Amino acid sequence: MTGEIIIQAKNLTKIYNGKIRAVSDLNLEVKEGEIYGLAGPNGAGKTTTINMLITRIKPSEGTATVGGYDIIKDSLEVRKLIGIVPQDFTADEDLTGRENLFMVSQFYDVPKSHAREISERLLKLVDLEDAADRLVRTYSGGMRKRLELILGLVHEPKILFLDEPTLGLDVQTRAQMWNYVKDIRNKMKITIILTSHYLEEIDELADRVSIIDHGKIIITGTPQELKASLKGDIVNLTLSDEKSMEVMKTIQGVLEITETGPNSLRIKVENADKSLPDIVNFISHHGLSITQLTVQKPSLEEVFLEYTGRTIREAEGGEDARKLAMNVRRVRR
């Protein structure tokens, strides 16, 4: 599915007010036909990166090409190649879904006959044919997101930028949106750049992903490669009494222990199937009892924690997250 490099950024940097580095020395390569994910918390630099690549803002330093065109020297050519689906709703609520598609097609000088044809095809692609002639103000949140998705496709771009495409949607509706994104890539043979702070969304959709934090790319690879790099499983448990971190880390096969809350531990082990009986026996031997226990294979959430030292929810900020972060202690064996 993937092919030649279609987007390349070298040392891309954006500095605000002469000192705030929203993006710093960012390097990435996106292959034609792939879904490429930028994962990270709000404020990590994802949207700023996208805004530079779509020529909305100029970089302070570095260079980038999109479809072979320089984002500064050839900005008009870049804009002809790309479609954009921003976080916020842009559709006119006083128009129908079909009218919105036709209006946007005229912005791109799409011939009227072809605009009608592509609009019908896109409405069918995201199951909005029956709602096409309803006013957008009557749409549900999921329907509006689907309409926003195809508004970025009416001029049949080669590259589609999706900025937090499922933000604010419930879990079920988000899963439906994932299917639509996959269909669009497969049926329209388009390259998609996806930003999200939902790591399960990146895991589901992206062929490759870069984890970005504080404006820098921390690590890049396929979701499978990133998860495999952790080389271990996670045991989360809550005990009924206080426990000793120093004692717990002597369990055979334990690689790392993190205290995640009162009487709660996150234990990284080489193999949960082998280590779990030892952990349970050890706890029982020391007169402690378990109130909750779960086992999980590596996830992108764990990858983010491994490479940044905190979960993505902690990185989002907020009083609860700050309190939780203060309680986290990591003990390496």
Protein backbone atom coordinates (compact mmCIF):
# COMPACT_ATOMS: atom_id res chain seq x y z
CA MET A 1 0.00 0.00 0.00
CA THR A 2 2.76 2.43 0.89
CA GLY A 3 5.25 3.88 -1.56
CA GLU A 4 7.53 6.86 -2.07
CA ILE A 5 8.08 9.61 0.48
CA ILE A 6 5.30 12.17 0.02
CA ILE A 7 5.96 14.38 3.08
CA GLN A 8 9.37 15.15 4.52
CA ALA A 9 10.29 17.53 7.32
CA LYS A 10 13.83 18.37 8.40
CA ASN A 11 14.55 20.18 11.67
CA LEU A 12 11.13 21.80 11.53
CA THR A 13 10.84 24.35 14.35
CA LYS A 14 8.23 26.88 15.45
CA ILE A 15 9.11 29.49 18.07
CA TYR A 16 6.55 31.91 19.45
CA ASN A 17 7.42 35.25 21.06
CA GLY A 18 11.07 34.58 20.49
CA LYS A 19 11.34 31.95 23.24
CA ILE A 20 8.45 29.45 23.31
CA ARG A 21 9.35 26.38 21.23
CA ALA A 22 6.05 24.81 20.23
CA VAL A 23 7.90 22.47 17.85
CA SER A 24 11.63 21.83 18.00
CA ASP A 25 13.90 20.22 15.37
CA LEU A 26 11.17 17.88 14.16
CA ASN A 27 12.08 15.30 11.50
CA LEU A 28 9.61 12.99 9.83
CA GLU A 29 8.94 11.14 6.60
CA VAL A 30 5.49 10.06 5.47
CA LYS A 31 5.08 7.47 2.73
CA GLU A 32 2.50 7.72 -0.02
CA GLY A 33 -0.64 5.74 0.79
CA GLU A 34 -0.06 5.25 4.51
CA ILE A 35 -1.91 6.47 7.56
CA TYR A 36 0.71 8.26 9.64
CA GLY A 37 -0.09 9.08 13.25
CA LEU A 38 1.18 11.91 15.43
CA ALA A 39 0.36 10.92 19.00
CA GLY A 40 0.68 13.06 22.07
CA PRO A 41 -1.21 15.14 24.64
CA ASN A 42 -2.82 18.50 23.98
CA GLY A 43 -0.07 21.10 23.73
CA ALA A 44 2.55 18.59 22.58
CA GLY A 45 3.00 20.32 19.22
CA LYS A 46 0.82 18.13 17.00
CA THR A 47 -1.47 20.87 15.70
CA THR A 48 1.43 23.30 15.26
CA THR A 49 3.23 20.69 13.17
CA ILE A 50 0.15 20.17 11.02
CA ASN A 51 -0.35 23.92 10.61
CA MET A 52 3.18 24.26 9.27
CA LEU A 53 2.77 21.35 6.85
CA ILE A 54 -0.50 22.74 5.47
CA THR A 55 1.14 26.19 5.08
CA ARG A 56 -1.15 27.87 7.61
CA ILE A 57 1.84 29.11 9.59
CA LYS A 58 5.49 29.50 8.61
CA PRO A 59 8.20 27.60 10.44
CA SER A 60 10.80 29.56 12.37
CA GLU A 61 13.51 27.15 11.30
CA GLY A 62 13.89 24.02 9.18
CA THR A 63 12.28 22.89 5.94
CA ALA A 64 9.51 20.62 4.75
CA THR A 65 8.11 19.38 1.45
CA VAL A 66 4.60 18.10 0.78
CA GLY A 67 4.08 16.21 -2.44
CA GLY A 68 7.48 17.42 -3.56
CA TYR A 69 6.63 21.10 -3.00
CA ASP A 70 8.32 23.35 -0.47
CA ILE A 71 5.83 24.54 2.16
CA ILE A 72 7.17 28.11 1.99
CA LYS A 73 8.22 28.63 -1.64
CA ASP A 74 5.41 26.56 -3.17
CA SER A 75 2.60 27.04 -0.65
CA LEU A 76 -0.11 27.40 -3.32
CA GLU A 77 0.90 24.11 -4.94
CA VAL A 78 0.89 22.41 -1.54
CA ARG A 79 -2.65 23.61 -0.87
CA LYS A 80 -3.88 22.10 -4.13
CA LEU A 81 -2.71 18.67 -3.00
CA ILE A 82 -4.14 18.57 0.48
CA GLY A 83 -7.44 18.26 2.28
CA ILE A 84 -7.88 19.41 5.87
CA VAL A 85 -10.28 18.25 8.57
CA PRO A 86 -9.73 20.49 11.64
CA GLN A 87 -10.73 19.76 15.22
CA ASP A 88 -13.57 22.26 15.22
CA PHE A 89 -16.80 22.05 13.25
CA THR A 90 -16.72 24.19 10.10
CA ALA A 91 -19.93 23.20 8.29
CA ASP A 92 -22.65 25.84 7.92
CA GLU A 93 -25.49 24.77 10.22
CA ASP A 94 -28.06 26.64 8.11
CA LEU A 95 -27.27 24.56 5.03
CA THR A 96 -27.91 20.90 4.33
CA GLY A 97 -25.10 18.38 4.22
CA ARG A 98 -25.29 18.27 0.44
CA GLU A 99 -25.27 22.07 0.18
CA ASN A 100 -22.17 22.25 2.38
CA LEU A 101 -20.35 19.81 0.13
CA PHE A 102 -21.32 21.75 -2.99
CA MET A 103 -20.29 25.06 -1.41
CA VAL A 104 -16.85 23.76 -0.43
CA SER A 105 -16.38 22.22 -3.89
CA GLN A 106 -16.80 25.68 -5.40
CA PHE A 107 -14.02 27.02 -3.18
CA TYR A 108 -11.74 24.56 -4.95
CA ASP A 109 -13.17 25.31 -8.42
CA VAL A 110 -14.47 21.78 -8.86
CA PRO A 111 -16.71 21.70 -11.98
CA LYS A 112 -20.37 21.61 -10.95
CA SER A 113 -21.14 18.34 -12.70
CA HIS A 114 -18.21 16.61 -11.04
CA ALA A 115 -18.99 18.25 -7.70
CA ARG A 116 -22.42 16.60 -7.74
CA GLU A 117 -20.88 13.26 -8.62
CA ILE A 118 -18.16 13.33 -5.97
CA SER A 119 -20.61 14.63 -3.33
CA GLU A 120 -22.92 11.67 -3.88
CA ARG A 121 -20.00 9.27 -3.71
CA LEU A 122 -18.70 10.80 -0.48
CA LEU A 123 -22.11 10.89 1.19
CA LYS A 124 -22.50 7.20 0.46
CA LEU A 125 -19.00 6.46 1.73
CA VAL A 126 -19.88 7.73 5.23
CA ASP A 127 -23.54 6.63 5.25
CA LEU A 128 -25.03 10.14 5.08
CA GLU A 129 -27.18 9.72 1.95
CA ASP A 130 -30.43 9.67 3.94
CA ALA A 131 -29.45 12.81 5.87
CA ALA A 132 -27.93 14.68 2.92
CA ASP A 133 -30.88 17.08 2.55
CA ARG A 134 -31.36 17.79 6.24
CA LEU A 135 -30.02 20.98 7.81
CA VAL A 136 -26.71 20.35 9.55
CA ARG A 137 -28.08 21.82 12.77
CA THR A 138 -30.23 18.66 13.06
CA TYR A 139 -27.21 16.33 12.84
CA SER A 140 -25.85 14.40 15.80
CA GLY A 141 -22.23 14.91 16.84
CA GLY A 142 -21.17 11.76 15.01
CA MET A 143 -22.99 12.79 11.84
CA ARG A 144 -21.34 16.19 11.91
CA LYS A 145 -17.93 14.58 12.28
CA ARG A 146 -18.67 12.39 9.27
CA LEU A 147 -19.69 15.41 7.25
CA GLU A 148 -16.53 17.27 8.29
CA LEU A 149 -14.53 14.25 7.19
CA ILE A 150 -15.83 14.34 3.63
CA LEU A 151 -15.76 18.14 3.36
CA GLY A 152 -11.99 17.73 3.26
CA LEU A 153 -12.30 15.36 0.29
CA VAL A 154 -14.55 17.11 -2.22
CA HIS A 155 -11.59 18.23 -4.35
CA GLU A 156 -10.06 14.74 -4.23
CA PRO A 157 -6.75 15.63 -2.56
CA LYS A 158 -3.71 13.35 -2.52
CA ILE A 159 -3.12 13.95 1.18
CA LEU A 160 -5.67 14.35 3.98
CA PHE A 161 -4.82 15.95 7.33
CA LEU A 162 -7.05 14.80 10.19
CA ASP A 163 -6.59 16.80 13.38
CA GLU A 164 -8.19 14.98 16.34
CA PRO A 165 -11.00 13.57 14.16
CA THR A 166 -12.95 11.91 16.99
CA LEU A 167 -12.44 14.47 19.75
CA GLY A 168 -15.52 14.65 21.95
CA LEU A 169 -17.22 11.55 20.56
CA ASP A 170 -18.33 8.59 22.64
CA VAL A 171 -16.44 5.31 22.36
CA GLN A 172 -18.93 3.61 20.04
CA THR A 173 -19.10 6.56 17.63
CA ARG A 174 -15.32 6.84 17.62
CA ALA A 175 -15.03 3.19 16.58
CA GLN A 176 -17.44 3.84 13.71
CA MET A 177 -15.34 6.81 12.60
CA TRP A 178 -12.27 4.57 12.52
CA ASN A 179 -13.99 2.35 9.96
CA TYR A 180 -14.82 5.37 7.79
CA VAL A 181 -11.21 6.57 7.90
CA LYS A 182 -9.99 3.12 6.83
CA ASP A 183 -12.51 3.02 3.98
CA ILE A 184 -11.44 6.44 2.77
CA ARG A 185 -7.78 5.44 2.67
CA ASN A 186 -8.49 2.17 0.90
CA LYS A 187 -11.10 3.35 -1.59
CA MET A 188 -9.63 6.75 -2.44
CA LYS A 189 -5.97 5.65 -2.33
CA ILE A 190 -5.09 8.68 -0.23
CA THR A 191 -2.33 9.45 2.27
CA ILE A 192 -3.64 10.40 5.72
CA ILE A 193 -1.86 12.31 8.47
CA LEU A 194 -3.69 11.73 11.73
CA THR A 195 -3.17 13.56 15.02
CA SER A 196 -4.76 12.27 18.19
CA HIS A 197 -4.26 12.06 21.93
CA TYR A 198 -6.38 8.89 21.93
CA LEU A 199 -3.58 6.33 21.74
CA GLU A 200 -5.97 3.46 21.05
CA GLU A 201 -7.12 5.40 17.99
CA ILE A 202 -3.55 5.71 16.71
CA ASP A 203 -3.00 2.01 17.43
CA GLU A 204 -6.11 1.08 15.45
CA LEU A 205 -5.53 3.29 12.42
CA ALA A 206 -1.88 4.18 11.91
CA ASP A 207 0.60 2.24 9.79
CA ARG A 208 3.37 4.19 11.53
CA VAL A 209 3.32 6.58 14.44
CA SER A 210 5.54 9.22 15.99
CA ILE A 211 5.06 10.00 19.67
CA ILE A 212 5.49 13.73 20.14
CA ASP A 213 5.93 15.50 23.46
CA HIS A 214 7.02 19.05 24.27
CA GLY A 215 7.37 19.74 20.55
CA LYS A 216 9.81 16.90 19.90
CA ILE A 217 9.41 13.47 18.35
CA ILE A 218 10.38 10.93 21.01
CA ILE A 219 10.16 7.72 18.96
CA THR A 220 8.79 6.55 15.60
CA GLY A 221 7.75 3.13 14.31
CA THR A 222 4.77 0.92 13.61
CA PRO A 223 2.44 0.46 16.59
CA GLN A 224 3.58 -3.15 16.74
CA GLU A 225 7.26 -2.16 16.79
CA LEU A 226 6.74 0.41 19.53
CA LYS A 227 4.82 -2.01 21.73
CA ALA A 228 7.36 -4.77 21.13
CA SER A 229 10.14 -2.40 22.23
CA LEU A 230 8.81 -2.52 25.79
CA LYS A 231 9.74 -6.22 26.09
CA GLY A 232 7.39 -7.03 28.91
CA ASP A 233 3.85 -7.34 30.23
CA ILE A 234 2.12 -5.21 32.84
CA VAL A 235 0.49 -6.43 36.05
CA ASN A 236 -1.68 -3.83 37.79
CA LEU A 237 -2.72 -4.69 41.32
CA THR A 238 -4.22 -3.10 44.39
CA LEU A 239 -3.50 -4.47 47.85
CA SER A 240 -5.64 -4.25 50.96
CA ASP A 241 -2.72 -3.04 53.08
CA GLU A 242 0.41 -0.96 52.77
CA LYS A 243 3.21 -2.69 50.90
CA SER A 244 6.95 -2.41 50.64
CA MET A 245 8.31 -1.35 47.25
CA GLU A 246 11.77 -2.63 48.16
CA VAL A 247 10.38 -6.05 49.07
CA MET A 248 8.16 -6.27 46.00
CA LYS A 249 10.96 -5.61 43.55
CA THR A 250 12.77 -8.73 44.69
CA ILE A 251 10.16 -10.94 42.99
CA GLN A 252 11.74 -13.03 40.24
CA GLY A 253 11.04 -11.66 36.75
CA VAL A 254 10.03 -8.17 37.88
CA LEU A 255 11.63 -5.52 35.67
CA GLU A 256 10.11 -2.38 37.12
CA ILE A 257 7.59 -1.23 39.70
CA THR A 258 5.60 2.01 39.66
CA GLU A 259 3.36 3.14 42.52
CA THR A 260 0.16 4.40 40.89
CA GLY A 261 -1.94 5.23 43.93
CA PRO A 262 -2.74 4.21 47.52
CA ASN A 263 -1.75 0.53 47.82
CA SER A 264 -1.65 0.24 44.03
CA LEU A 265 1.24 -0.95 41.86
CA ARG A 266 2.09 -1.22 38.20
CA ILE A 267 4.53 -4.11 37.82
CA LYS A 268 6.41 -4.70 34.59
CA VAL A 269 7.45 -8.32 34.11
CA GLU A 270 9.20 -10.28 31.40
CA ASN A 271 6.26 -12.64 30.95
CA ALA A 272 3.00 -12.32 32.89
CA ASP A 273 2.07 -15.98 32.41
CA LYS A 274 5.25 -17.06 34.17
CA SER A 275 5.52 -14.28 36.76
CA LEU A 276 1.93 -13.95 37.94
CA PRO A 277 1.92 -17.09 40.15
CA ASP A 278 5.18 -15.93 41.77
CA ILE A 279 3.71 -12.47 42.44
CA VAL A 280 0.53 -13.88 43.99
CA ASN A 281 2.46 -16.37 46.15
CA PHE A 282 4.90 -13.66 47.25
CA ILE A 283 2.09 -11.35 48.33
CA SER A 284 0.30 -14.14 50.19
CA HIS A 285 3.54 -15.18 51.92
CA HIS A 286 3.99 -11.65 53.27
CA GLY A 287 0.51 -11.57 54.75
CA LEU A 288 -1.02 -9.21 52.19
CA SER A 289 -4.19 -9.68 50.18
CA ILE A 290 -5.13 -8.50 46.69
CA THR A 291 -8.33 -6.50 46.12
CA GLN A 292 -7.85 -5.97 42.39
CA LEU A 293 -5.56 -7.44 39.74
CA THR A 294 -5.37 -7.01 35.96
CA VAL A 295 -2.86 -8.12 33.35
CA GLN A 296 -2.27 -6.22 30.14
CA LYS A 297 -0.03 -6.68 27.16
CA PRO A 298 2.00 -3.66 26.00
CA SER A 299 -0.09 -0.78 24.62
CA LEU A 300 0.77 2.60 23.14
CA GLU A 301 -0.25 4.08 26.50
CA GLU A 302 2.53 2.02 28.04
CA VAL A 303 4.91 3.12 25.28
CA PHE A 304 4.14 6.76 26.06
CA LEU A 305 4.75 6.13 29.76
CA GLU A 306 8.01 4.32 29.03
CA TYR A 307 9.50 7.08 26.87
CA THR A 308 8.12 10.19 28.60
CA GLY A 309 7.92 9.08 32.23
CA ARG A 310 4.20 9.79 32.58
CA THR A 311 0.86 8.74 31.14
CA ILE A 312 -0.77 10.81 28.43
CA ARG A 313 -3.56 11.75 30.87
CA GLU A 314 -1.00 13.18 33.27
CA ALA A 315 0.54 15.07 30.36
CA GLU A 316 -2.85 16.61 29.61
CA GLY A 317 -2.58 18.53 32.88
CA GLY A 318 -5.25 19.36 35.39
CA GLU A 319 -5.30 19.18 39.18
CA ASP A 320 -6.17 15.48 39.38
CA ALA A 321 -3.40 14.60 36.95
CA ARG A 322 -0.88 16.68 38.86
CA LYS A 323 -1.81 14.99 42.14
CA LEU A 324 -1.50 11.58 40.54
CA ALA A 325 1.86 12.45 39.02
CA MET A 326 3.18 13.52 42.43
CA ASN A 327 2.34 10.08 43.79
CA VAL A 328 4.10 8.15 41.06
CA ARG A 329 7.42 6.67 42.01
CA ARG A 330 9.45 4.48 39.71
CA VAL A 331 11.86 1.90 41.11
CA ARG A 332 14.11 0.16 38.59
CA ARG A 333 15.67 -3.10 39.42
